[in-house]
PDB file of all heavy atoms in Angstrom:
ATOM      1  N   ALA A   1      55.758  46.841  24.396  1.00  0.00           N
ATOM      2  CA  ALA A   1      56.139  45.868  23.367  1.00  0.00           C
ATOM      3  C   ALA A   1      56.733  44.623  24.014  1.00  0.00           C
ATOM      4  O   ALA A   1      57.237  44.663  25.136  1.00  0.00           O
ATOM      5  CB  ALA A   1      57.135  46.496  22.404  1.00  0.00           C
ATOM      6  N   GLY A   2      56.680  43.530  23.274  1.00  0.00           N
ATOM      7  CA  GLY A   2      57.156  42.263  23.801  1.00  0.00           C
ATOM      8  C   GLY A   2      58.572  41.923  23.394  1.00  0.00           C
ATOM      9  O   GLY A   2      59.224  42.662  22.651  1.00  0.00           O
ATOM     10  N   ASP A   3      59.041  40.770  23.869  1.00  0.00           N
ATOM     11  CA  ASP A   3      60.403  40.320  23.603  1.00  0.00           C
ATOM     12  C   ASP A   3      60.453  39.167  22.604  1.00  0.00           C
ATOM     13  O   ASP A   3      61.477  38.510  22.464  1.00  0.00           O
ATOM     14  CB  ASP A   3      61.080  39.904  24.908  1.00  0.00           C
ATOM     15  CG  ASP A   3      60.356  38.754  25.607  1.00  0.00           C
ATOM     16  OD1 ASP A   3      59.335  38.262  25.065  1.00  0.00           O
ATOM     17  OD2 ASP A   3      60.806  38.345  26.689  1.00  0.00           O
ATOM     18  N   GLY A   4      59.321  38.913  21.931  1.00  0.00           N
ATOM     19  CA  GLY A   4      59.309  37.875  20.900  1.00  0.00           C
ATOM     20  C   GLY A   4      59.017  36.476  21.382  1.00  0.00           C
ATOM     21  O   GLY A   4      59.079  35.530  20.585  1.00  0.00           O
ATOM     22  N   HIS A   5      58.689  36.301  22.651  1.00  0.00           N
ATOM     23  CA  HIS A   5      58.446  34.935  23.104  1.00  0.00           C
ATOM     24  C   HIS A   5      57.085  34.429  22.601  1.00  0.00           C
ATOM     25  O   HIS A   5      56.193  35.219  22.297  1.00  0.00           O
ATOM     26  CB  HIS A   5      58.571  34.832  24.635  1.00  0.00           C
ATOM     27  CG  HIS A   5      57.424  35.355  25.424  1.00  0.00           C
ATOM     28  ND1 HIS A   5      57.353  36.651  25.910  1.00  0.00           N
ATOM     29  CD2 HIS A   5      56.279  34.754  25.852  1.00  0.00           C
ATOM     30  CE1 HIS A   5      56.245  36.810  26.595  1.00  0.00           C
ATOM     31  NE2 HIS A   5      55.559  35.683  26.573  1.00  0.00           N
ATOM     32  N   PRO A   6      56.923  33.119  22.492  1.00  0.00           N
ATOM     33  CA  PRO A   6      55.675  32.554  21.964  1.00  0.00           C
ATOM     34  C   PRO A   6      54.523  32.655  22.958  1.00  0.00           C
ATOM     35  O   PRO A   6      54.723  32.606  24.177  1.00  0.00           O
ATOM     36  CB  PRO A   6      56.039  31.089  21.702  1.00  0.00           C
ATOM     37  CG  PRO A   6      57.134  30.800  22.673  1.00  0.00           C
ATOM     38  CD  PRO A   6      57.929  32.080  22.782  1.00  0.00           C
ATOM     39  N   VAL A   7      53.312  32.810  22.397  1.00  0.00           N
ATOM     40  CA  VAL A   7      52.096  32.901  23.211  1.00  0.00           C
ATOM     41  C   VAL A   7      51.049  31.966  22.605  1.00  0.00           C
ATOM     42  O   VAL A   7      50.739  32.058  21.416  1.00  0.00           O
ATOM     43  CB  VAL A   7      51.544  34.339  23.254  1.00  0.00           C
ATOM     44  CG1 VAL A   7      50.310  34.405  24.148  1.00  0.00           C
ATOM     45  CG2 VAL A   7      52.601  35.325  23.731  1.00  0.00           C
ATOM     46  N   LEU A   8      50.513  31.084  23.399  1.00  0.00           N
ATOM     47  CA  LEU A   8      49.449  30.169  22.973  1.00  0.00           C
ATOM     48  C   LEU A   8      48.123  30.738  23.456  1.00  0.00           C
ATOM     49  O   LEU A   8      47.952  31.010  24.644  1.00  0.00           O
ATOM     50  CB  LEU A   8      49.682  28.782  23.573  1.00  0.00           C
ATOM     51  CG  LEU A   8      48.635  27.704  23.293  1.00  0.00           C
ATOM     52  CD1 LEU A   8      48.489  27.457  21.796  1.00  0.00           C
ATOM     53  CD2 LEU A   8      48.995  26.411  24.015  1.00  0.00           C
ATOM     54  N   VAL A   9      47.174  30.921  22.526  1.00  0.00           N
ATOM     55  CA  VAL A   9      45.880  31.530  22.851  1.00  0.00           C
ATOM     56  C   VAL A   9      44.776  30.482  22.687  1.00  0.00           C
ATOM     57  O   VAL A   9      44.615  29.905  21.600  1.00  0.00           O
ATOM     58  CB  VAL A   9      45.599  32.746  21.949  1.00  0.00           C
ATOM     59  CG1 VAL A   9      44.292  33.418  22.358  1.00  0.00           C
ATOM     60  CG2 VAL A   9      46.759  33.747  22.015  1.00  0.00           C
ATOM     61  N   LEU A  10      44.020  30.259  23.750  1.00  0.00           N
ATOM     62  CA  LEU A  10      42.989  29.218  23.764  1.00  0.00           C
ATOM     63  C   LEU A  10      41.595  29.841  23.774  1.00  0.00           C
ATOM     64  O   LEU A  10      41.306  30.716  24.599  1.00  0.00           O
ATOM     65  CB  LEU A  10      43.162  28.337  25.007  1.00  0.00           C
ATOM     66  CG  LEU A  10      44.584  27.803  25.249  1.00  0.00           C
ATOM     67  CD1 LEU A  10      44.623  26.972  26.516  1.00  0.00           C
ATOM     68  CD2 LEU A  10      45.061  26.996  24.049  1.00  0.00           C
ATOM     69  N   PRO A  11      40.703  29.387  22.884  1.00  0.00           N
ATOM     70  CA  PRO A  11      39.356  29.977  22.780  1.00  0.00           C
ATOM     71  C   PRO A  11      38.396  29.457  23.835  1.00  0.00           C
ATOM     72  O   PRO A  11      38.674  28.475  24.536  1.00  0.00           O
ATOM     73  CB  PRO A  11      38.916  29.537  21.384  1.00  0.00           C
ATOM     74  CG  PRO A  11      39.565  28.189  21.225  1.00  0.00           C
ATOM     75  CD  PRO A  11      40.915  28.329  21.895  1.00  0.00           C
ATOM     76  N   GLY A  12      37.243  30.118  23.919  1.00  0.00           N
ATOM     77  CA  GLY A  12      36.214  29.728  24.867  1.00  0.00           C
ATOM     78  C   GLY A  12      35.328  28.615  24.348  1.00  0.00           C
ATOM     79  O   GLY A  12      35.514  28.102  23.236  1.00  0.00           O
ATOM     80  N   LEU A  13      34.347  28.246  25.158  1.00  0.00           N
ATOM     81  CA  LEU A  13      33.423  27.169  24.824  1.00  0.00           C
ATOM     82  C   LEU A  13      32.710  27.436  23.502  1.00  0.00           C
ATOM     83  O   LEU A  13      32.190  28.534  23.285  1.00  0.00           O
ATOM     84  CB  LEU A  13      32.391  27.009  25.943  1.00  0.00           C
ATOM     85  CG  LEU A  13      31.331  25.930  25.751  1.00  0.00           C
ATOM     86  CD1 LEU A  13      31.974  24.544  25.747  1.00  0.00           C
ATOM     87  CD2 LEU A  13      30.276  26.024  26.852  1.00  0.00           C
ATOM     88  N   SER A  14      32.688  26.452  22.640  1.00  0.00           N
ATOM     89  CA  SER A  14      32.050  26.445  21.312  1.00  0.00           C
ATOM     90  C   SER A  14      32.762  27.341  20.306  1.00  0.00           C
ATOM     91  O   SER A  14      32.369  27.408  19.153  1.00  0.00           O
ATOM     92  CB  SER A  14      30.560  26.847  21.388  1.00  0.00           C
ATOM     93  OG  SER A  14      30.404  28.251  21.487  1.00  0.00           O
ATOM     94  N   ALA A  15      33.820  28.024  20.726  1.00  0.00           N
ATOM     95  CA  ALA A  15      34.549  28.940  19.842  1.00  0.00           C
ATOM     96  C   ALA A  15      35.824  28.288  19.320  1.00  0.00           C
ATOM     97  O   ALA A  15      36.332  27.310  19.887  1.00  0.00           O
ATOM     98  CB  ALA A  15      34.882  30.232  20.581  1.00  0.00           C
ATOM     99  N   GLY A  16      36.357  28.857  18.243  1.00  0.00           N
ATOM    100  CA  GLY A  16      37.588  28.358  17.657  1.00  0.00           C
ATOM    101  C   GLY A  16      38.605  29.469  17.514  1.00  0.00           C
ATOM    102  O   GLY A  16      38.452  30.565  18.054  1.00  0.00           O
ATOM    103  N   ASP A  17      39.636  29.206  16.743  1.00  0.00           N
ATOM    104  CA  ASP A  17      40.724  30.164  16.595  1.00  0.00           C
ATOM    105  C   ASP A  17      40.296  31.469  15.923  1.00  0.00           C
ATOM    106  O   ASP A  17      40.929  32.512  16.137  1.00  0.00           O
ATOM    107  CB  ASP A  17      41.874  29.531  15.806  1.00  0.00           C
ATOM    108  CG  ASP A  17      42.656  28.521  16.634  1.00  0.00           C
ATOM    109  OD1 ASP A  17      42.697  28.664  17.866  1.00  0.00           O
ATOM    110  OD2 ASP A  17      43.228  27.590  16.039  1.00  0.00           O
ATOM    111  N   ALA A  18      39.238  31.439  15.128  1.00  0.00           N
ATOM    112  CA  ALA A  18      38.792  32.671  14.463  1.00  0.00           C
ATOM    113  C   ALA A  18      38.415  33.738  15.484  1.00  0.00           C
ATOM    114  O   ALA A  18      38.631  34.937  15.261  1.00  0.00           O
ATOM    115  CB  ALA A  18      37.607  32.381  13.541  1.00  0.00           C
ATOM    116  N   THR A  19      37.868  33.320  16.624  1.00  0.00           N
ATOM    117  CA  THR A  19      37.428  34.295  17.630  1.00  0.00           C
ATOM    118  C   THR A  19      38.609  34.968  18.329  1.00  0.00           C
ATOM    119  O   THR A  19      38.456  36.061  18.881  1.00  0.00           O
ATOM    120  CB  THR A  19      36.537  33.629  18.690  1.00  0.00           C
ATOM    121  OG1 THR A  19      37.292  32.609  19.365  1.00  0.00           O
ATOM    122  CG2 THR A  19      35.303  33.014  18.051  1.00  0.00           C
ATOM    123  N   THR A  20      39.760  34.328  18.337  1.00  0.00           N
ATOM    124  CA  THR A  20      40.924  34.916  19.007  1.00  0.00           C
ATOM    125  C   THR A  20      41.845  35.630  18.020  1.00  0.00           C
ATOM    126  O   THR A  20      42.922  36.088  18.410  1.00  0.00           O
ATOM    127  CB  THR A  20      41.741  33.841  19.759  1.00  0.00           C
ATOM    128  OG1 THR A  20      42.309  32.912  18.819  1.00  0.00           O
ATOM    129  CG2 THR A  20      40.864  33.088  20.753  1.00  0.00           C
ATOM    130  N   TYR A  21      41.419  35.744  16.761  1.00  0.00           N
ATOM    131  CA  TYR A  21      42.280  36.396  15.771  1.00  0.00           C
ATOM    132  C   TYR A  21      42.616  37.847  16.139  1.00  0.00           C
ATOM    133  O   TYR A  21      43.785  38.252  16.043  1.00  0.00           O
ATOM    134  CB  TYR A  21      41.639  36.341  14.388  1.00  0.00           C
ATOM    135  CG  TYR A  21      42.483  37.049  13.344  1.00  0.00           C
ATOM    136  CD1 TYR A  21      43.593  36.422  12.780  1.00  0.00           C
ATOM    137  CD2 TYR A  21      42.187  38.356  12.951  1.00  0.00           C
ATOM    138  CE1 TYR A  21      44.389  37.079  11.846  1.00  0.00           C
ATOM    139  CE2 TYR A  21      42.981  39.025  12.032  1.00  0.00           C
ATOM    140  CZ  TYR A  21      44.076  38.381  11.476  1.00  0.00           C
ATOM    141  OH  TYR A  21      44.868  39.043  10.569  1.00  0.00           O
ATOM    142  N   PRO A  22      41.624  38.691  16.549  1.00  0.00           N
ATOM    143  CA  PRO A  22      41.988  40.069  16.926  1.00  0.00           C
ATOM    144  C   PRO A  22      43.037  40.117  18.032  1.00  0.00           C
ATOM    145  O   PRO A  22      43.970  40.927  17.975  1.00  0.00           O
ATOM    146  CB  PRO A  22      40.657  40.665  17.380  1.00  0.00           C
ATOM    147  CG  PRO A  22      39.623  39.888  16.635  1.00  0.00           C
ATOM    148  CD  PRO A  22      40.158  38.481  16.606  1.00  0.00           C
ATOM    149  N   LEU A  23      42.912  39.260  19.028  1.00  0.00           N
ATOM    150  CA  LEU A  23      43.881  39.220  20.119  1.00  0.00           C
ATOM    151  C   LEU A  23      45.248  38.800  19.607  1.00  0.00           C
ATOM    152  O   LEU A  23      46.274  39.425  19.937  1.00  0.00           O
ATOM    153  CB  LEU A  23      43.395  38.257  21.203  1.00  0.00           C
ATOM    154  CG  LEU A  23      44.372  37.912  22.333  1.00  0.00           C
ATOM    155  CD1 LEU A  23      44.901  39.162  23.009  1.00  0.00           C
ATOM    156  CD2 LEU A  23      43.704  36.991  23.343  1.00  0.00           C
ATOM    157  N   ARG A  24      45.282  37.782  18.759  1.00  0.00           N
ATOM    158  CA  ARG A  24      46.566  37.317  18.241  1.00  0.00           C
ATOM    159  C   ARG A  24      47.203  38.349  17.306  1.00  0.00           C
ATOM    160  O   ARG A  24      48.434  38.511  17.291  1.00  0.00           O
ATOM    161  CB  ARG A  24      46.393  35.971  17.545  1.00  0.00           C
ATOM    162  CG  ARG A  24      46.145  34.825  18.534  1.00  0.00           C
ATOM    163  CD  ARG A  24      46.038  33.474  17.895  1.00  0.00           C
ATOM    164  NE  ARG A  24      44.769  33.285  17.209  1.00  0.00           N
ATOM    165  CZ  ARG A  24      44.623  33.061  15.922  1.00  0.00           C
ATOM    166  NH1 ARG A  24      45.705  33.004  15.120  1.00  0.00           N
ATOM    167  NH2 ARG A  24      43.424  32.900  15.390  1.00  0.00           N
ATOM    168  N   ALA A  25      46.370  39.060  16.532  1.00  0.00           N
ATOM    169  CA  ALA A  25      46.899  40.112  15.660  1.00  0.00           C
ATOM    170  C   ALA A  25      47.513  41.230  16.504  1.00  0.00           C
ATOM    171  O   ALA A  25      48.581  41.778  16.156  1.00  0.00           O
ATOM    172  CB  ALA A  25      45.792  40.658  14.775  1.00  0.00           C
ATOM    173  N   PHE A  26      46.867  41.577  17.600  1.00  0.00           N
ATOM    174  CA  PHE A  26      47.389  42.594  18.503  1.00  0.00           C
ATOM    175  C   PHE A  26      48.728  42.151  19.085  1.00  0.00           C
ATOM    176  O   PHE A  26      49.695  42.925  19.136  1.00  0.00           O
ATOM    177  CB  PHE A  26      46.377  42.862  19.613  1.00  0.00           C
ATOM    178  CG  PHE A  26      46.922  43.660  20.762  1.00  0.00           C
ATOM    179  CD1 PHE A  26      47.192  45.015  20.625  1.00  0.00           C
ATOM    180  CD2 PHE A  26      47.165  43.050  21.991  1.00  0.00           C
ATOM    181  CE1 PHE A  26      47.704  45.756  21.691  1.00  0.00           C
ATOM    182  CE2 PHE A  26      47.673  43.781  23.054  1.00  0.00           C
ATOM    183  CZ  PHE A  26      47.948  45.135  22.906  1.00  0.00           C
ATOM    184  N   LEU A  27      48.798  40.903  19.535  1.00  0.00           N
ATOM    185  CA  LEU A  27      50.035  40.396  20.114  1.00  0.00           C
ATOM    186  C   LEU A  27      51.160  40.362  19.083  1.00  0.00           C
ATOM    187  O   LEU A  27      52.319  40.679  19.408  1.00  0.00           O
ATOM    188  CB  LEU A  27      49.803  38.991  20.678  1.00  0.00           C
ATOM    189  CG  LEU A  27      48.871  38.899  21.891  1.00  0.00           C
ATOM    190  CD1 LEU A  27      48.621  37.454  22.257  1.00  0.00           C
ATOM    191  CD2 LEU A  27      49.458  39.657  23.080  1.00  0.00           C
ATOM    192  N   ARG A  28      50.820  40.001  17.864  1.00  0.00           N
ATOM    193  CA  ARG A  28      51.840  39.989  16.803  1.00  0.00           C
ATOM    194  C   ARG A  28      52.372  41.396  16.563  1.00  0.00           C
ATOM    195  O   ARG A  28      53.580  41.607  16.384  1.00  0.00           O
ATOM    196  CB  ARG A  28      51.246  39.406  15.525  1.00  0.00           C
ATOM    197  CG  ARG A  28      52.262  39.166  14.415  1.00  0.00           C
ATOM    198  CD  ARG A  28      51.629  38.447  13.237  1.00  0.00           C
ATOM    199  NE  ARG A  28      51.168  37.116  13.621  1.00  0.00           N
ATOM    200  CZ  ARG A  28      49.881  36.786  13.752  1.00  0.00           C
ATOM    201  NH1 ARG A  28      48.929  37.689  13.539  1.00  0.00           N
ATOM    202  NH2 ARG A  28      49.540  35.562  14.097  1.00  0.00           N
TER     203      ARG A  28
END
């Protein structure tokens, strides 16, 4: 588990934030 610090997630070429949603949901 984490300590609550912020994490910025950057997508790949031609992709947007929707593609990183599973990763961000996991981190949350």
